[in-house]
Amino acid sequence: MTAMTPPALIPLTILTGFLGSGKTTLLNRLLKDPALQDTVVIMNEFGEIGLDHLLVETVDEGMVLLSAGCLCCTVRGDLIATLEDLLRKRDNDRILPFKRVIIETTGLADPAPILHAVLYHPYLSLRYAVEGVVTAVDAVNGAATLDAHREAVKQAAVAERIVITKTDLVQDPDGLVRLHERLRQLNPGAALLAADAPAEAVVSGGLFGLDGKIGDVAEWLKTEAVEAAEHASHAHQHGHHHHPGQDHHHHHDVNRHDDRIRAFCLTSDQPVRQGTLDMFLDLLRSSQGAKLLRVKGLVALAEDPDHPVVIHGVQHVIHVPAVLPRWPSADRRSRLVFIVDDLERDTVERLWNAFLGRPAVDQPDAAALSDNPLSLRR
C-alpha cells in the first residue's frame, strides 16, 4: 500500500435490543462463529455477556482475546476514545489487524448517538464504515415490550436487520405472525432474521462489505420494500379491508408507540443540483432533525449524473460517505428513504418538491418553505 492510498474502511455494526431481548445469547453465538474471526467487539461490561468459557488470554487491561479470534474490549469512558485507541493499537501493530467492529449497546440505549459518533467524527468517519444496526427482538415478549417502551420501538425502527430471538419458547404462533407483521410495518426496509441465522447474515448486508468497499446499495436502501409498504398502508387506509372478528383496533391505540413511526421514499427522475441537495438536507435537519431517525439515499447529481452519491443521515447529522463509480442497477432515479418519528410524509415531500421547483399542486404552503425560490435555480 502506497502512502497515498487510504486504508480500507473497517465495517462497524451496532448490536442493540431491549432488556431481555436475547441480545446476550445472540452475541455469544456470533462470537463463536469462525466467520467473525478478526472481529473486535466493544461492550459496556464483560460481565453482562458472560465470556468466561470463551476466554483464552488477557491481551490488555479491559481487553480479552477469544478462541474464535475475536477481540473484546470494554468502553473506557468515551466510545470515541475507545474507537480511536483501537485504531492506534491496530496501526502500531500492538493488536492484530481486525477486519470488523461490533458495538454492543445496553438494553436501554438509543443507537443514534453511536451512529453520530462515527458518522460525524472527522477521523473515525474516514476509518470506519457503518455497516448498520442489528436489533434483537424477543419473539415471546416483543409485542408487549414495543407497547410499553418507546426506546424498543426506536431500536427496531432504525435497524437494517432485526433478529427474532426465543422463537423456541413461542406458544402462540399467531402472535409471532402478528409480531412479524408489526415489525415489517414499523420498518419495511429491515431484514427479519431467525436467531440461528448465519453470523455473516446478521452482521453483513449493509452499505459496506467486509473489505470496506461499497456493497449492495439496493439491498441497503430497500426502496422497493418501503414503497410497497407505503402502497399497502395507503390501500388499507382508503379501502374496506376490515372484516368482523378481525382485530384492527391496535392501529388506533393511542398507547401504541409505533403509530408515530413512518417509513417513506421520495424520488426524482431528474438529476438534482448539488447546491439544491445540500440546501434541502440542511433545512430538513435543522428544522426536523430530532424526528429523522434514519435517512438513506442514492442521488443523481446534475453535475455528474453517472456517479450517484450515497446519503446517510441520523437525526441532525447528514453524512455523505461515498460517490459510487457507477449506478448499481438500471434504475437511475434519485431515491431518499426516510424513517421518521412524529413527522408527516407531506411535510418532507413539500420541502423536497419546493427545492426541486416542482409545481405546488395541492400544496398551497410549499412556496412558504423557501424564502427565496430563485436561489434554487442557480
Protein backbone atom coordinates (compact mmCIF):
# COMPACT_ATOMS: atom_id res chain seq x y z
CA MET A 1 0.00 0.00 0.00
CA THR A 2 1.48 3.33 -1.03
CA ALA A 3 1.43 6.34 1.25
CA MET A 4 -1.22 7.94 -0.97
CA THR A 5 -3.65 5.01 -0.73
CA PRO A 6 -6.21 5.47 2.04
CA PRO A 7 -6.66 2.46 4.31
CA ALA A 8 -9.65 0.22 3.66
CA LEU A 9 -12.68 1.18 5.71
CA ILE A 10 -13.46 -1.07 8.67
CA PRO A 11 -17.13 -2.16 8.73
CA LEU A 12 -18.85 -1.34 12.03
CA THR A 13 -22.10 -2.93 13.22
CA ILE A 14 -24.20 -1.78 16.18
CA LEU A 15 -25.95 -4.60 18.05
CA THR A 16 -28.87 -3.44 20.14
CA GLY A 17 -32.07 -4.79 21.65
CA PHE A 18 -34.20 -4.05 24.66
CA LEU A 19 -33.62 -5.60 28.10
CA GLY A 20 -34.49 -9.29 27.93
CA SER A 21 -34.43 -9.38 24.13
CA GLY A 22 -31.87 -12.20 23.98
CA LYS A 23 -29.08 -9.93 22.77
CA THR A 24 -26.56 -11.54 25.13
CA THR A 25 -27.29 -15.05 23.87
CA LEU A 26 -27.16 -13.84 20.27
CA LEU A 27 -23.80 -12.15 20.77
CA ASN A 28 -22.35 -15.24 22.45
CA ARG A 29 -23.41 -17.33 19.45
CA LEU A 30 -21.99 -14.82 16.97
CA LEU A 31 -18.63 -14.73 18.76
CA LYS A 32 -18.20 -18.50 18.33
CA ASP A 33 -18.70 -18.34 14.56
CA PRO A 34 -15.46 -18.63 12.53
CA ALA A 35 -16.93 -16.09 10.06
CA LEU A 36 -16.39 -13.39 12.68
CA GLN A 37 -12.71 -14.11 13.14
CA ASP A 38 -10.67 -10.90 13.28
CA THR A 39 -13.63 -9.02 14.76
CA VAL A 40 -13.45 -6.58 17.66
CA VAL A 41 -16.50 -6.44 19.94
CA ILE A 42 -16.93 -3.32 22.08
CA MET A 43 -19.23 -3.75 25.06
CA ASN A 44 -20.02 -1.93 28.27
CA GLU A 45 -19.11 -4.70 30.70
CA PHE A 46 -17.77 -8.20 30.10
CA GLY A 47 -19.86 -9.45 33.00
CA GLU A 48 -23.09 -8.74 31.13
CA ILE A 49 -22.15 -11.19 28.39
CA GLY A 50 -20.57 -14.00 30.36
CA LEU A 51 -17.46 -14.63 28.27
CA ASP A 52 -15.54 -16.81 30.72
CA HIS A 53 -15.93 -20.03 28.75
CA LEU A 54 -14.63 -18.33 25.58
CA LEU A 55 -11.67 -16.58 27.15
CA VAL A 56 -8.20 -17.55 26.03
CA GLU A 57 -5.91 -14.87 27.38
CA THR A 58 -5.99 -11.32 28.61
CA VAL A 59 -4.38 -9.15 25.96
CA ASP A 60 -4.51 -5.84 27.77
CA GLU A 61 -6.41 -4.13 30.54
CA GLY A 62 -10.06 -4.11 29.51
CA MET A 63 -9.37 -6.40 26.54
CA VAL A 64 -9.75 -10.15 26.00
CA LEU A 65 -8.97 -12.41 23.08
CA LEU A 66 -11.49 -15.17 22.34
CA SER A 67 -10.84 -18.62 20.94
CA ALA A 68 -12.65 -17.81 17.70
CA GLY A 69 -10.21 -14.99 17.01
CA CYS A 70 -12.46 -12.18 18.23
CA LEU A 71 -11.05 -9.43 20.39
CA CYS A 72 -13.38 -7.93 23.00
CA CYS A 73 -12.87 -4.66 24.81
CA THR A 74 -14.88 -2.53 27.20
CA VAL A 75 -15.84 1.07 26.58
CA ARG A 76 -13.36 3.08 28.61
CA GLY A 77 -15.17 6.32 29.33
CA ASP A 78 -15.91 7.62 25.87
CA LEU A 79 -16.81 5.46 22.86
CA ILE A 80 -14.91 7.76 20.51
CA ALA A 81 -11.78 7.39 22.64
CA THR A 82 -12.19 3.60 22.59
CA LEU A 83 -12.55 3.53 18.79
CA GLU A 84 -9.52 5.81 18.38
CA ASP A 85 -7.49 3.68 20.80
CA LEU A 86 -8.30 0.54 18.79
CA LEU A 87 -7.13 2.21 15.59
CA ARG A 88 -3.93 3.37 17.28
CA LYS A 89 -3.15 -0.13 18.53
CA ARG A 90 -4.01 -1.62 15.14
CA ASP A 91 -1.88 0.87 13.18
CA ASN A 92 1.06 0.33 15.57
CA ASP A 93 0.79 -3.47 15.35
CA ARG A 94 0.00 -3.74 19.06
CA ILE A 95 -3.08 -5.83 18.25
CA LEU A 96 -3.98 -7.97 15.26
CA PRO A 97 -5.35 -6.03 12.26
CA PHE A 98 -9.05 -6.60 12.95
CA LYS A 99 -11.44 -6.53 9.98
CA ARG A 100 -14.72 -5.60 11.64
CA VAL A 101 -16.13 -3.95 14.76
CA ILE A 102 -19.35 -4.79 16.61
CA ILE A 103 -20.59 -2.37 19.27
CA GLU A 104 -22.95 -3.98 21.78
CA THR A 105 -25.19 -1.41 23.43
CA THR A 106 -27.03 -1.51 26.73
CA GLY A 107 -30.67 -2.58 26.60
CA LEU A 108 -31.94 0.95 27.11
CA ALA A 109 -29.62 2.56 24.58
CA ASP A 110 -30.72 4.63 21.62
CA PRO A 111 -28.40 3.66 18.72
CA ALA A 112 -28.45 7.21 17.30
CA PRO A 113 -25.63 8.68 19.45
CA ILE A 114 -23.35 5.81 18.45
CA LEU A 115 -24.12 6.39 14.79
CA HIS A 116 -23.45 10.11 15.37
CA ALA A 117 -20.10 9.34 16.99
CA VAL A 118 -18.84 7.57 13.87
CA LEU A 119 -20.60 9.44 11.08
CA TYR A 120 -19.81 12.92 12.38
CA HIS A 121 -16.28 12.41 13.65
CA PRO A 122 -13.77 13.76 11.07
CA TYR A 123 -11.26 10.95 11.62
CA LEU A 124 -13.43 8.00 12.60
CA SER A 125 -15.65 8.53 9.54
CA LEU A 126 -12.55 8.08 7.36
CA ARG A 127 -11.60 4.77 9.01
CA TYR A 128 -14.89 3.09 9.98
CA ALA A 129 -17.84 2.34 7.70
CA VAL A 130 -21.21 1.99 9.42
CA GLU A 131 -22.44 -1.42 8.30
CA GLY A 132 -25.75 -0.97 10.07
CA VAL A 133 -27.83 -1.54 13.17
CA VAL A 134 -28.86 -5.06 14.24
CA THR A 135 -31.72 -5.20 16.74
CA ALA A 136 -32.73 -8.27 18.74
CA VAL A 137 -36.48 -8.65 19.40
CA ASP A 138 -37.90 -11.27 21.77
CA ALA A 139 -40.48 -13.48 20.00
CA VAL A 140 -42.42 -14.08 23.22
CA ASN A 141 -42.49 -10.64 24.84
CA GLY A 142 -41.53 -8.46 21.88
CA ALA A 143 -45.01 -7.06 21.22
CA ALA A 144 -45.53 -6.15 24.89
CA THR A 145 -42.09 -4.54 25.00
CA LEU A 146 -42.89 -2.45 21.92
CA ASP A 147 -46.16 -1.38 23.56
CA ALA A 148 -44.52 -0.42 26.83
CA HIS A 149 -41.18 1.09 25.80
CA ARG A 150 -40.65 3.74 23.18
CA GLU A 151 -36.90 3.01 23.19
CA ALA A 152 -37.61 -0.52 21.93
CA VAL A 153 -39.68 0.87 19.05
CA LYS A 154 -36.87 3.21 18.01
CA GLN A 155 -34.32 0.38 18.20
CA ALA A 156 -36.43 -1.66 15.76
CA ALA A 157 -37.23 1.34 13.54
CA VAL A 158 -33.59 2.24 12.82
CA ALA A 159 -32.35 -1.32 12.24
CA GLU A 160 -31.06 -2.75 8.97
CA ARG A 161 -31.58 -6.26 10.34
CA ILE A 162 -33.96 -7.44 13.07
CA VAL A 163 -33.19 -10.81 14.71
CA ILE A 164 -36.21 -12.56 16.22
CA THR A 165 -34.97 -14.43 19.30
CA LYS A 166 -36.53 -17.08 21.60
CA THR A 167 -38.81 -18.49 18.88
CA ASP A 168 -38.41 -21.93 20.53
CA LEU A 169 -40.39 -20.60 23.52
CA VAL A 170 -43.35 -19.35 21.47
CA GLN A 171 -46.68 -20.90 22.43
CA ASP A 172 -48.82 -18.57 20.30
CA PRO A 173 -47.83 -18.95 16.61
CA ASP A 174 -50.42 -16.36 15.57
CA GLY A 175 -48.84 -13.88 17.98
CA LEU A 176 -45.48 -14.45 16.30
CA VAL A 177 -47.06 -13.80 12.89
CA ARG A 178 -48.55 -10.55 14.21
CA LEU A 179 -45.13 -9.54 15.61
CA HIS A 180 -43.55 -10.12 12.19
CA GLU A 181 -46.27 -8.04 10.52
CA ARG A 182 -45.85 -5.28 13.07
CA LEU A 183 -42.09 -5.14 12.58
CA ARG A 184 -42.49 -5.09 8.78
CA GLN A 185 -44.92 -2.21 9.09
CA LEU A 186 -42.66 -0.38 11.53
CA ASN A 187 -39.52 -0.85 9.42
CA PRO A 188 -40.29 -2.26 5.96
CA GLY A 189 -36.67 -1.96 4.86
CA ALA A 190 -35.26 -4.20 7.61
CA ALA A 191 -34.44 -7.85 7.01
CA LEU A 192 -36.15 -10.12 9.56
CA LEU A 193 -33.81 -12.94 10.59
CA ALA A 194 -34.14 -16.02 12.77
CA ALA A 195 -31.93 -16.28 15.85
CA ASP A 196 -29.94 -19.12 14.25
CA ALA A 197 -29.18 -17.15 11.06
CA PRO A 198 -25.52 -17.35 9.98
CA ALA A 199 -23.31 -14.77 11.66
CA GLU A 200 -22.34 -13.31 8.29
CA ALA A 201 -26.03 -12.65 7.52
CA VAL A 202 -26.54 -10.96 10.88
CA VAL A 203 -23.63 -8.51 10.72
CA SER A 204 -23.27 -8.09 6.94
CA GLY A 205 -25.56 -6.97 4.18
CA GLY A 206 -25.27 -3.24 4.75
CA LEU A 207 -23.75 -0.50 2.65
CA PHE A 208 -20.16 -1.76 3.05
CA GLY A 209 -18.72 -5.22 2.61
CA LEU A 210 -16.09 -6.86 4.78
CA ASP A 211 -13.40 -5.36 2.55
CA GLY A 212 -14.70 -1.89 3.40
CA LYS A 213 -15.85 -1.30 -0.19
CA ILE A 214 -19.35 -0.29 -1.22
CA GLY A 215 -21.57 -3.36 -1.22
CA ASP A 216 -25.15 -3.94 -2.34
CA VAL A 217 -26.59 -0.43 -2.29
CA ALA A 218 -30.06 -1.55 -3.39
CA GLU A 219 -30.18 -4.04 -0.51
CA TRP A 220 -29.10 -1.29 1.89
CA LEU A 221 -31.68 1.18 0.61
CA LYS A 222 -34.60 -1.28 0.31
CA THR A 223 -36.52 1.29 -1.74
CA GLU A 224 -38.90 -1.24 -3.23
CA ALA A 225 -39.85 -2.66 0.17
CA VAL A 226 -40.52 0.81 1.58
CA GLU A 227 -42.59 1.85 -1.45
CA ALA A 228 -44.59 -1.41 -1.34
CA ALA A 229 -45.34 -0.89 2.35
CA GLU A 230 -46.46 2.67 1.62
CA HIS A 231 -48.86 1.47 -1.07
CA ALA A 232 -50.22 -1.27 1.19
CA SER A 233 -50.75 1.21 4.02
CA HIS A 234 -52.48 3.66 1.69
CA ALA A 235 -54.76 0.92 0.35
CA HIS A 236 -55.58 -0.17 3.89
CA GLN A 237 -56.48 3.36 4.95
CA HIS A 238 -58.66 4.06 1.92
CA GLY A 239 -60.07 0.61 1.28
CA HIS A 240 -62.57 -1.57 3.07
CA HIS A 241 -60.41 -4.30 4.49
CA HIS A 242 -61.92 -4.55 7.94
CA HIS A 243 -63.80 -7.78 8.46
CA PRO A 244 -65.87 -8.68 11.52
CA GLY A 245 -63.80 -10.55 14.04
CA GLN A 246 -60.51 -9.18 12.82
CA ASP A 247 -58.52 -7.17 15.32
CA HIS A 248 -57.60 -3.83 13.79
CA HIS A 249 -58.16 -1.64 16.82
CA HIS A 250 -54.46 -1.52 17.54
CA HIS A 251 -53.95 0.84 14.60
CA HIS A 252 -55.81 3.48 16.58
CA ASP A 253 -54.47 2.71 20.04
CA VAL A 254 -53.02 5.94 21.44
CA ASN A 255 -50.63 3.87 23.58
CA ARG A 256 -49.09 2.21 20.54
CA HIS A 257 -45.74 3.93 20.17
CA ASP A 258 -45.09 2.77 16.61
CA ASP A 259 -48.11 4.66 15.28
CA ARG A 260 -45.80 7.70 15.29
CA ILE A 261 -43.05 6.00 13.27
CA ARG A 262 -43.27 6.27 9.49
CA ALA A 263 -41.13 4.99 6.62
CA PHE A 264 -41.44 6.51 3.17
CA CYS A 265 -39.49 7.13 -0.01
CA LEU A 266 -39.15 10.31 -2.09
CA THR A 267 -37.83 10.17 -5.65
CA SER A 268 -36.82 12.37 -8.56
CA ASP A 269 -36.47 11.27 -12.17
CA GLN A 270 -34.39 14.35 -12.93
CA PRO A 271 -30.85 14.83 -11.57
CA VAL A 272 -30.59 17.18 -8.61
CA ARG A 273 -28.13 20.07 -8.41
CA GLN A 274 -25.53 19.70 -5.66
CA GLY A 275 -26.44 23.06 -4.13
CA THR A 276 -30.14 22.18 -4.14
CA LEU A 277 -29.50 18.85 -2.42
CA ASP A 278 -27.27 20.49 0.19
CA MET A 279 -29.86 23.18 0.96
CA PHE A 280 -32.69 20.64 1.19
CA LEU A 281 -30.75 18.43 3.60
CA ASP A 282 -29.54 21.42 5.65
CA LEU A 283 -33.02 22.86 6.06
CA LEU A 284 -34.53 19.46 6.78
CA ARG A 285 -32.05 18.52 9.50
CA SER A 286 -32.09 21.97 11.10
CA SER A 287 -35.90 22.11 11.22
CA GLN A 288 -36.79 18.44 11.75
CA GLY A 289 -33.52 16.82 12.87
CA ALA A 290 -34.78 15.26 16.09
CA LYS A 291 -37.53 13.49 14.14
CA LEU A 292 -35.24 11.97 11.47
CA LEU A 293 -34.40 8.53 12.84
CA ARG A 294 -32.62 7.48 9.63
CA VAL A 295 -32.17 9.00 6.19
CA LYS A 296 -30.67 6.93 3.39
CA GLY A 297 -30.37 7.90 -0.21
CA LEU A 298 -28.91 7.43 -3.65
CA VAL A 299 -28.93 10.71 -5.57
CA ALA A 300 -28.08 11.62 -9.17
CA LEU A 301 -26.31 14.97 -9.15
CA ALA A 302 -26.86 17.23 -12.17
CA GLU A 303 -23.13 17.99 -12.20
CA ASP A 304 -22.18 14.30 -12.52
CA PRO A 305 -25.26 12.10 -13.11
CA ASP A 306 -23.22 8.98 -13.92
CA HIS A 307 -21.76 8.78 -10.41
CA PRO A 308 -24.55 8.71 -7.80
CA VAL A 309 -23.97 10.00 -4.29
CA VAL A 310 -24.82 7.86 -1.26
CA ILE A 311 -26.58 9.78 1.55
CA HIS A 312 -26.62 8.54 5.15
CA GLY A 313 -28.17 10.53 7.96
CA VAL A 314 -29.17 10.15 11.58
CA GLN A 315 -31.20 12.96 13.13
CA HIS A 316 -29.22 16.22 12.87
CA VAL A 317 -26.23 14.56 11.23
CA ILE A 318 -26.20 14.00 7.46
CA HIS A 319 -23.09 12.27 6.20
CA VAL A 320 -22.15 11.81 2.54
CA PRO A 321 -19.80 8.83 2.73
CA ALA A 322 -19.26 7.93 -0.91
CA VAL A 323 -19.62 8.65 -4.59
CA LEU A 324 -20.27 5.41 -6.46
CA PRO A 325 -18.25 4.57 -9.59
CA ARG A 326 -21.49 3.57 -11.33
CA TRP A 327 -25.21 3.07 -10.78
CA PRO A 328 -25.96 -0.28 -9.10
CA SER A 329 -28.87 -1.01 -11.46
CA ALA A 330 -30.77 0.37 -14.45
CA ASP A 331 -32.88 2.46 -12.05
CA ARG A 332 -31.21 5.89 -12.10
CA ARG A 333 -33.83 7.76 -10.10
CA SER A 334 -32.73 9.73 -7.08
CA ARG A 335 -34.21 7.95 -4.05
CA LEU A 336 -34.35 9.13 -0.45
CA VAL A 337 -35.68 6.72 2.19
CA PHE A 338 -36.83 8.25 5.48
CA ILE A 339 -37.66 6.64 8.80
CA VAL A 340 -39.19 9.39 10.91
CA ASP A 341 -40.73 9.86 14.33
CA ASP A 342 -43.85 12.02 14.64
CA LEU A 343 -43.25 13.68 11.26
CA GLU A 344 -45.73 13.61 8.36
CA ARG A 345 -44.55 12.49 4.94
CA ASP A 346 -46.35 15.51 3.48
CA THR A 347 -44.11 17.92 5.42
CA VAL A 348 -40.92 16.42 3.97
CA GLU A 349 -42.40 15.96 0.49
CA ARG A 350 -43.47 19.60 0.27
CA LEU A 351 -39.95 20.66 1.13
CA TRP A 352 -38.47 18.26 -1.44
CA ASN A 353 -40.84 19.48 -4.17
CA ALA A 354 -40.19 23.13 -3.32
CA PHE A 355 -36.45 22.69 -3.67
CA LEU A 356 -36.83 20.73 -6.92
CA GLY A 357 -39.04 23.50 -8.31
CA ARG A 358 -41.94 21.14 -8.88
CA PRO A 359 -45.42 22.65 -9.33
CA ALA A 360 -47.11 23.05 -5.96
CA VAL A 361 -50.26 21.19 -6.96
CA ASP A 362 -52.48 20.74 -3.91
CA GLN A 363 -49.60 22.13 -1.87
CA PRO A 364 -50.58 25.72 -1.07
CA ASP A 365 -47.84 26.09 1.56
CA ALA A 366 -44.95 24.70 -0.48
CA ALA A 367 -43.68 28.15 -1.55
CA ALA A 368 -43.50 29.23 2.07
CA LEU A 369 -40.87 26.59 2.74
CA SER A 370 -38.34 28.61 0.79
CA ASP A 371 -37.99 32.36 1.31
CA ASN A 372 -36.02 32.73 -1.88
CA PRO A 373 -37.05 30.25 -4.59
CA LEU A 374 -34.74 31.95 -7.06
CA SER A 375 -31.78 30.66 -5.06
CA LEU A 376 -32.76 27.12 -6.09
CA ARG A 377 -32.12 27.82 -9.75
CA ARG A 378 -28.52 28.90 -9.53
